[in-house]
Amino acid sequence: MPRYELALILKAMQRPETAAVLRRTVETLLERGAVVRALESLGERELPYKISKHNLRHCRAGYFLLDFHAAPGLVAPLLDHLKRDVDVVRPTVLKKQPPPPQSAPCPGLETATGKRAHKR
């Protein structure tokens, strides 16, 4: 299963309401077969511009990152579900690429002393 990152912008709420929205989102992922790796809060702050969503204008919001593994077919229905949630201002799902493998230095270019080896 590919690895994804869900960036959630939630409307400004008290801590219990925010926790309920996050719990609801994680349960939705788990019900659909996803494996949640991490949940990170980036805090509440002013939005860079006002966002109108569900007939409300939002100036402040809570930012969260959710790291998970899921089947590719789960992403579109998940976004559709989150866009209907009145507490979610903006959901964004990004596919995380695996880190590139560490390449070993090319043998023969450098000797143990750190100088280039010359061929004669």
N, C-alpha and C. Protein backbone atom coordinates (compact mmCIF):
# COMPACT_ATOMS: atom_id res chain seq x y z
N MET A 1 0.84 -1.18 0.00
CA MET A 1 0.00 0.00 0.00
C MET A 1 0.88 1.25 0.00
N PRO A 2 0.54 2.21 -0.84
CA PRO A 2 1.31 3.46 -0.86
C PRO A 2 1.12 4.26 0.42
N ARG A 3 2.06 5.15 0.64
CA ARG A 3 2.02 6.01 1.82
C ARG A 3 1.51 7.39 1.41
N TYR A 4 0.60 7.94 2.21
CA TYR A 4 0.00 9.23 1.94
C TYR A 4 0.11 10.14 3.15
N GLU A 5 -0.04 11.44 2.89
CA GLU A 5 -0.08 12.42 3.96
C GLU A 5 -1.34 13.26 3.75
N LEU A 6 -2.16 13.32 4.77
CA LEU A 6 -3.39 14.10 4.74
C LEU A 6 -3.16 15.39 5.52
N ALA A 7 -3.22 16.51 4.83
CA ALA A 7 -3.11 17.81 5.48
C ALA A 7 -4.53 18.32 5.70
N LEU A 8 -4.87 18.51 6.95
CA LEU A 8 -6.22 18.95 7.31
C LEU A 8 -6.18 20.36 7.88
N ILE A 9 -7.07 21.19 7.40
CA ILE A 9 -7.28 22.50 8.00
C ILE A 9 -8.69 22.43 8.59
N LEU A 10 -8.77 22.50 9.91
CA LEU A 10 -10.05 22.41 10.62
C LEU A 10 -10.46 23.78 11.12
N LYS A 11 -11.77 24.03 11.15
CA LYS A 11 -12.21 25.31 11.66
C LYS A 11 -11.81 25.46 13.13
N ALA A 12 -11.66 26.69 13.57
CA ALA A 12 -11.23 26.97 14.95
C ALA A 12 -12.32 26.49 15.91
N MET A 13 -11.94 25.57 16.80
CA MET A 13 -12.88 24.99 17.77
C MET A 13 -12.14 24.77 19.08
N GLN A 14 -12.90 24.46 20.12
CA GLN A 14 -12.30 24.10 21.39
C GLN A 14 -11.66 22.72 21.26
N ARG A 15 -10.78 22.39 22.18
CA ARG A 15 -10.02 21.14 22.11
C ARG A 15 -10.90 19.88 22.04
N PRO A 16 -11.97 19.74 22.83
CA PRO A 16 -12.78 18.51 22.73
C PRO A 16 -13.43 18.34 21.35
N GLU A 17 -13.90 19.44 20.76
CA GLU A 17 -14.51 19.34 19.44
C GLU A 17 -13.47 18.98 18.37
N THR A 18 -12.28 19.55 18.49
CA THR A 18 -11.20 19.24 17.55
C THR A 18 -10.80 17.78 17.67
N ALA A 19 -10.69 17.28 18.89
CA ALA A 19 -10.34 15.88 19.11
C ALA A 19 -11.41 14.97 18.51
N ALA A 20 -12.68 15.35 18.61
CA ALA A 20 -13.77 14.54 18.05
C ALA A 20 -13.67 14.48 16.53
N VAL A 21 -13.32 15.58 15.89
CA VAL A 21 -13.18 15.59 14.43
C VAL A 21 -12.01 14.71 14.00
N LEU A 22 -10.90 14.82 14.71
CA LEU A 22 -9.73 14.00 14.38
C LEU A 22 -10.02 12.52 14.61
N ARG A 23 -10.70 12.20 15.69
CA ARG A 23 -11.07 10.81 15.98
C ARG A 23 -11.97 10.27 14.86
N ARG A 24 -12.93 11.08 14.45
CA ARG A 24 -13.86 10.70 13.39
C ARG A 24 -13.09 10.45 12.07
N THR A 25 -12.11 11.28 11.78
CA THR A 25 -11.33 11.13 10.55
C THR A 25 -10.48 9.87 10.60
N VAL A 26 -9.81 9.63 11.73
CA VAL A 26 -8.97 8.43 11.86
C VAL A 26 -9.84 7.17 11.79
N GLU A 27 -11.00 7.18 12.43
CA GLU A 27 -11.90 6.02 12.37
C GLU A 27 -12.37 5.76 10.95
N THR A 28 -12.62 6.82 10.19
CA THR A 28 -13.02 6.66 8.79
C THR A 28 -11.91 5.98 7.99
N LEU A 29 -10.68 6.39 8.24
CA LEU A 29 -9.55 5.76 7.55
C LEU A 29 -9.43 4.29 7.93
N LEU A 30 -9.51 4.00 9.22
CA LEU A 30 -9.36 2.62 9.69
C LEU A 30 -10.48 1.72 9.17
N GLU A 31 -11.71 2.24 9.11
CA GLU A 31 -12.84 1.47 8.60
C GLU A 31 -12.64 1.09 7.14
N ARG A 32 -11.91 1.92 6.41
CA ARG A 32 -11.70 1.68 4.98
C ARG A 32 -10.40 0.92 4.70
N GLY A 33 -9.74 0.43 5.74
CA GLY A 33 -8.58 -0.42 5.56
C GLY A 33 -7.24 0.28 5.57
N ALA A 34 -7.19 1.54 5.95
CA ALA A 34 -5.93 2.26 5.99
C ALA A 34 -5.18 1.95 7.29
N VAL A 35 -3.89 2.18 7.27
CA VAL A 35 -3.04 2.02 8.45
C VAL A 35 -2.49 3.41 8.78
N VAL A 36 -2.89 3.95 9.92
CA VAL A 36 -2.47 5.29 10.32
C VAL A 36 -1.14 5.19 11.04
N ARG A 37 -0.15 5.95 10.56
CA ARG A 37 1.19 5.92 11.14
C ARG A 37 1.40 7.03 12.17
N ALA A 38 0.91 8.23 11.88
CA ALA A 38 1.18 9.36 12.77
C ALA A 38 0.12 10.44 12.58
N LEU A 39 -0.09 11.21 13.65
CA LEU A 39 -0.95 12.38 13.63
C LEU A 39 -0.17 13.51 14.28
N GLU A 40 -0.03 14.61 13.58
CA GLU A 40 0.76 15.72 14.10
C GLU A 40 -0.06 17.00 14.06
N SER A 41 -0.06 17.71 15.17
CA SER A 41 -0.73 19.01 15.23
C SER A 41 0.29 20.10 14.93
N LEU A 42 -0.05 20.97 14.01
CA LEU A 42 0.82 22.10 13.67
C LEU A 42 0.32 23.39 14.32
N GLY A 43 -0.74 23.27 15.13
CA GLY A 43 -1.24 24.41 15.88
C GLY A 43 -2.35 25.16 15.16
N GLU A 44 -2.89 26.13 15.89
CA GLU A 44 -3.95 26.98 15.33
C GLU A 44 -3.33 28.33 14.98
N ARG A 45 -3.71 28.86 13.83
CA ARG A 45 -3.17 30.15 13.40
C ARG A 45 -4.13 30.84 12.44
N GLU A 46 -3.79 32.07 12.13
CA GLU A 46 -4.57 32.84 11.16
C GLU A 46 -4.38 32.21 9.78
N LEU A 47 -5.46 32.16 9.01
CA LEU A 47 -5.36 31.69 7.64
C LEU A 47 -4.72 32.78 6.78
N PRO A 48 -4.02 32.43 5.73
CA PRO A 48 -3.41 33.47 4.89
C PRO A 48 -4.44 34.33 4.16
N TYR A 49 -5.64 33.78 3.99
CA TYR A 49 -6.76 34.52 3.40
C TYR A 49 -8.04 33.89 3.92
N LYS A 50 -9.13 34.63 3.88
CA LYS A 50 -10.40 34.10 4.38
C LYS A 50 -10.91 33.03 3.43
N ILE A 51 -11.40 31.94 4.03
CA ILE A 51 -11.92 30.82 3.26
C ILE A 51 -13.39 30.64 3.61
N SER A 52 -14.23 30.62 2.60
CA SER A 52 -15.66 30.37 2.79
C SER A 52 -15.93 28.90 2.54
N LYS A 53 -16.53 28.27 3.54
CA LYS A 53 -16.83 26.84 3.43
C LYS A 53 -18.09 26.56 4.24
N HIS A 54 -19.05 25.86 3.66
CA HIS A 54 -20.31 25.51 4.32
C HIS A 54 -21.01 26.76 4.86
N ASN A 55 -21.06 27.79 4.07
CA ASN A 55 -21.73 29.06 4.39
C ASN A 55 -21.14 29.79 5.59
N LEU A 56 -19.87 29.53 5.89
CA LEU A 56 -19.16 30.24 6.95
C LEU A 56 -17.86 30.78 6.39
N ARG A 57 -17.41 31.93 6.94
CA ARG A 57 -16.12 32.50 6.55
C ARG A 57 -15.14 32.23 7.68
N HIS A 58 -14.02 31.64 7.34
CA HIS A 58 -13.03 31.25 8.34
C HIS A 58 -11.80 32.14 8.23
N CYS A 59 -11.36 32.66 9.38
CA CYS A 59 -10.15 33.50 9.46
C CYS A 59 -9.05 32.77 10.22
N ARG A 60 -9.42 31.90 11.15
CA ARG A 60 -8.47 31.10 11.94
C ARG A 60 -8.81 29.63 11.74
N ALA A 61 -7.77 28.79 11.86
CA ALA A 61 -8.01 27.36 11.68
C ALA A 61 -6.88 26.57 12.35
N GLY A 62 -7.17 25.30 12.62
CA GLY A 62 -6.18 24.38 13.16
C GLY A 62 -5.59 23.56 12.02
N TYR A 63 -4.27 23.38 12.05
CA TYR A 63 -3.56 22.65 11.01
C TYR A 63 -3.09 21.31 11.57
N PHE A 64 -3.34 20.22 10.81
CA PHE A 64 -2.97 18.88 11.24
C PHE A 64 -2.43 18.08 10.05
N LEU A 65 -1.48 17.18 10.33
CA LEU A 65 -0.94 16.26 9.34
C LEU A 65 -1.20 14.84 9.80
N LEU A 66 -1.70 14.02 8.91
CA LEU A 66 -2.00 12.63 9.21
C LEU A 66 -1.24 11.77 8.20
N ASP A 67 -0.36 10.93 8.67
CA ASP A 67 0.46 10.06 7.84
C ASP A 67 -0.18 8.67 7.84
N PHE A 68 -0.45 8.10 6.65
CA PHE A 68 -1.12 6.80 6.61
C PHE A 68 -0.76 6.04 5.34
N HIS A 69 -0.98 4.72 5.41
CA HIS A 69 -0.86 3.82 4.25
C HIS A 69 -2.27 3.41 3.87
N ALA A 70 -2.56 3.41 2.57
CA ALA A 70 -3.90 3.02 2.11
C ALA A 70 -3.84 2.59 0.65
N ALA A 71 -4.86 1.87 0.25
CA ALA A 71 -4.99 1.50 -1.16
C ALA A 71 -5.28 2.77 -1.97
N PRO A 72 -4.78 2.85 -3.20
CA PRO A 72 -4.99 4.05 -4.00
C PRO A 72 -6.46 4.39 -4.24
N GLY A 73 -7.33 3.38 -4.27
CA GLY A 73 -8.76 3.62 -4.49
C GLY A 73 -9.46 4.28 -3.32
N LEU A 74 -8.79 4.38 -2.19
CA LEU A 74 -9.40 4.97 -1.00
C LEU A 74 -9.34 6.49 -1.00
N VAL A 75 -8.41 7.08 -1.74
CA VAL A 75 -8.14 8.51 -1.65
C VAL A 75 -9.32 9.36 -2.13
N ALA A 76 -9.87 9.07 -3.29
CA ALA A 76 -10.98 9.87 -3.83
C ALA A 76 -12.21 9.83 -2.92
N PRO A 77 -12.67 8.65 -2.47
CA PRO A 77 -13.82 8.63 -1.55
C PRO A 77 -13.53 9.32 -0.22
N LEU A 78 -12.28 9.23 0.26
CA LEU A 78 -11.92 9.90 1.50
C LEU A 78 -12.03 11.41 1.35
N LEU A 79 -11.49 11.95 0.27
CA LEU A 79 -11.58 13.39 0.04
C LEU A 79 -13.04 13.84 -0.10
N ASP A 80 -13.84 13.04 -0.79
CA ASP A 80 -15.26 13.37 -0.94
C ASP A 80 -15.94 13.41 0.42
N HIS A 81 -15.62 12.44 1.27
CA HIS A 81 -16.19 12.39 2.62
C HIS A 81 -15.77 13.61 3.45
N LEU A 82 -14.48 13.96 3.38
CA LEU A 82 -13.96 15.07 4.18
C LEU A 82 -14.49 16.42 3.68
N LYS A 83 -14.72 16.55 2.40
CA LYS A 83 -15.23 17.82 1.86
C LYS A 83 -16.66 18.08 2.32
N ARG A 84 -17.38 17.02 2.67
CA ARG A 84 -18.75 17.18 3.19
C ARG A 84 -18.80 17.45 4.69
N ASP A 85 -17.70 17.21 5.38
CA ASP A 85 -17.63 17.42 6.83
C ASP A 85 -17.63 18.92 7.11
N VAL A 86 -18.58 19.39 7.91
CA VAL A 86 -18.72 20.82 8.17
C VAL A 86 -17.57 21.38 9.01
N ASP A 87 -16.82 20.54 9.68
CA ASP A 87 -15.71 21.01 10.52
C ASP A 87 -14.39 21.09 9.75
N VAL A 88 -14.33 20.51 8.57
CA VAL A 88 -13.11 20.51 7.76
C VAL A 88 -13.17 21.67 6.78
N VAL A 89 -12.20 22.57 6.89
CA VAL A 89 -12.14 23.71 5.98
C VAL A 89 -11.47 23.31 4.68
N ARG A 90 -10.35 22.58 4.76
CA ARG A 90 -9.64 22.18 3.55
C ARG A 90 -8.87 20.87 3.78
N PRO A 91 -9.24 19.78 3.07
CA PRO A 91 -8.44 18.55 3.13
C PRO A 91 -7.56 18.44 1.88
N THR A 92 -6.34 17.98 2.06
CA THR A 92 -5.43 17.76 0.94
C THR A 92 -4.68 16.46 1.19
N VAL A 93 -4.67 15.58 0.18
CA VAL A 93 -3.94 14.32 0.30
C VAL A 93 -2.77 14.35 -0.68
N LEU A 94 -1.59 14.05 -0.16
CA LEU A 94 -0.38 13.99 -0.98
C LEU A 94 0.21 12.59 -0.87
N LYS A 95 0.68 12.07 -1.99
CA LYS A 95 1.34 10.77 -1.97
C LYS A 95 2.79 11.01 -1.60
N LYS A 96 3.27 10.30 -0.58
CA LYS A 96 4.66 10.45 -0.14
C LYS A 96 5.53 9.49 -0.93
N GLN A 97 6.56 10.03 -1.52
CA GLN A 97 7.51 9.21 -2.28
C GLN A 97 8.52 8.59 -1.32
N PRO A 98 8.93 7.36 -1.58
CA PRO A 98 9.96 6.77 -0.71
C PRO A 98 11.27 7.54 -0.90
N PRO A 99 12.07 7.64 0.16
CA PRO A 99 13.33 8.36 0.02
C PRO A 99 14.25 7.64 -0.96
N PRO A 100 15.03 8.39 -1.72
CA PRO A 100 15.92 7.74 -2.67
C PRO A 100 16.98 6.92 -1.93
N PRO A 101 17.40 5.80 -2.50
CA PRO A 101 18.41 4.99 -1.82
C PRO A 101 19.73 5.75 -1.73
N GLN A 102 20.43 5.53 -0.64
CA GLN A 102 21.73 6.17 -0.46
C GLN A 102 22.72 5.53 -1.41
N SER A 103 23.31 6.34 -2.26
CA SER A 103 24.27 5.78 -3.21
C SER A 103 25.65 5.74 -2.57
N ALA A 104 26.33 4.64 -2.78
CA ALA A 104 27.68 4.49 -2.26
C ALA A 104 28.64 5.25 -3.16
N PRO A 105 29.70 5.79 -2.59
CA PRO A 105 30.66 6.49 -3.45
C PRO A 105 31.28 5.51 -4.44
N CYS A 106 31.61 6.01 -5.59
CA CYS A 106 32.17 5.19 -6.64
C CYS A 106 33.55 4.70 -6.22
N PRO A 107 33.77 3.38 -6.16
CA PRO A 107 35.08 2.89 -5.75
C PRO A 107 36.12 3.19 -6.82
N GLY A 108 37.32 3.47 -6.39
CA GLY A 108 38.40 3.71 -7.32
C GLY A 108 38.65 5.18 -7.59
N LEU A 109 37.68 6.05 -7.30
CA LEU A 109 37.90 7.48 -7.54
C LEU A 109 38.71 8.10 -6.41
N GLU A 110 38.53 7.60 -5.22
CA GLU A 110 39.26 8.14 -4.09
C GLU A 110 39.96 7.00 -3.36
N THR A 111 41.13 7.27 -2.86
CA THR A 111 41.85 6.28 -2.09
C THR A 111 41.52 6.48 -0.62
N ALA A 112 42.10 5.68 0.22
CA ALA A 112 41.85 5.78 1.65
C ALA A 112 42.33 7.10 2.22
N THR A 113 43.29 7.75 1.58
CA THR A 113 43.81 9.03 2.09
C THR A 113 42.94 10.19 1.65
N GLY A 114 41.99 9.94 0.78
CA GLY A 114 41.10 11.01 0.34
C GLY A 114 41.58 11.68 -0.93
N LYS A 115 42.71 11.24 -1.51
CA LYS A 115 43.21 11.83 -2.75
C LYS A 115 42.80 10.96 -3.92
N ARG A 116 42.70 11.59 -5.06
CA ARG A 116 42.34 10.84 -6.26
C ARG A 116 43.46 9.89 -6.67
N ALA A 117 43.06 8.73 -7.08
CA ALA A 117 44.03 7.76 -7.57
C ALA A 117 44.30 8.05 -9.04
N HIS A 118 45.54 8.09 -9.41
CA HIS A 118 45.92 8.33 -10.80
C HIS A 118 46.31 7.02 -11.45
N LYS A 119 45.83 6.83 -12.63
CA LYS A 119 46.23 5.64 -13.39
C LYS A 119 47.41 6.01 -14.27
N ARG A 120 48.42 5.17 -14.34
CA ARG A 120 49.58 5.43 -15.20
C ARG A 120 49.75 4.34 -16.19
